[in-house]
Amino acid sequence: MNIDQQLAAAEARLTQLQHRLVEYASDADERGRIYDKIRATRREIDRLSNLQPTN
């Protein structure tokens, strides 16, 4: 996968995690796990964004 595809996949995962967060709003333990995954995915998006060439 190229950087654009990896970035698109990470952004799609972030959207899915955000939806899961709403689904598990009343479960504090699961919410914590989802927040950890969201943070990791955001870091990955930042890393991939920095790898993209600028024009």
Protein backbone atom coordinates (compact mmCIF):
# COMPACT_ATOMS: atom_id res chain seq x y z
CA MET A 1 0.00 0.00 0.00
CA ASN A 2 1.22 3.48 -0.72
CA ILE A 3 1.06 6.31 1.82
CA ASP A 4 -2.24 7.66 0.48
CA GLN A 5 -3.88 4.25 0.81
CA GLN A 6 -2.47 3.73 4.30
CA LEU A 7 -3.70 7.16 5.33
CA ALA A 8 -7.18 6.47 3.93
CA ALA A 9 -7.29 3.14 5.78
CA ALA A 10 -6.23 4.77 9.06
CA GLU A 11 -8.85 7.49 8.65
CA ALA A 12 -11.51 4.82 8.01
CA ARG A 13 -10.41 2.97 11.18
CA LEU A 14 -10.65 6.22 13.13
CA THR A 15 -14.21 6.75 11.92
CA GLN A 16 -15.13 3.18 12.91
CA LEU A 17 -13.60 3.66 16.36
CA GLN A 18 -15.53 6.89 16.84
CA HIS A 19 -18.76 5.05 16.02
CA ARG A 20 -17.85 2.28 18.46
CA LEU A 21 -17.23 4.91 21.13
CA VAL A 22 -20.84 6.06 20.77
CA GLU A 23 -22.08 2.45 20.93
CA TYR A 24 -20.17 1.79 24.17
CA ALA A 25 -20.88 5.11 25.84
CA SER A 26 -22.14 3.43 29.02
CA ASP A 27 -19.23 0.94 29.35
CA ALA A 28 -16.29 2.77 30.96
CA ASP A 29 -13.79 -0.09 30.47
CA GLU A 30 -14.55 -0.51 26.77
CA ARG A 31 -14.56 3.28 26.31
CA GLY A 32 -11.04 3.40 27.75
CA ARG A 33 -9.84 0.72 25.34
CA ILE A 34 -11.44 2.54 22.41
CA TYR A 35 -9.86 5.85 23.46
CA ASP A 36 -6.45 4.13 23.49
CA LYS A 37 -7.04 2.82 19.97
CA ILE A 38 -8.23 6.27 18.83
CA ARG A 39 -5.06 7.89 20.20
CA ALA A 40 -2.87 5.30 18.48
CA THR A 41 -4.74 5.74 15.20
CA ARG A 42 -4.42 9.52 15.38
CA ARG A 43 -0.66 9.14 15.94
CA GLU A 44 -0.49 6.87 12.90
CA ILE A 45 -2.43 9.42 10.82
CA ASP A 46 -0.04 12.17 11.94
CA ARG A 47 2.98 10.00 11.09
CA LEU A 48 1.62 9.13 7.65
CA SER A 49 0.66 12.74 6.97
CA ASN A 50 4.25 13.78 7.69
CA LEU A 51 5.53 11.22 5.19
CA GLN A 52 3.47 12.64 2.35
CA PRO A 53 5.44 14.80 -0.05
CA THR A 54 4.49 18.46 -0.19
CA ASN A 55 4.03 20.19 -3.52
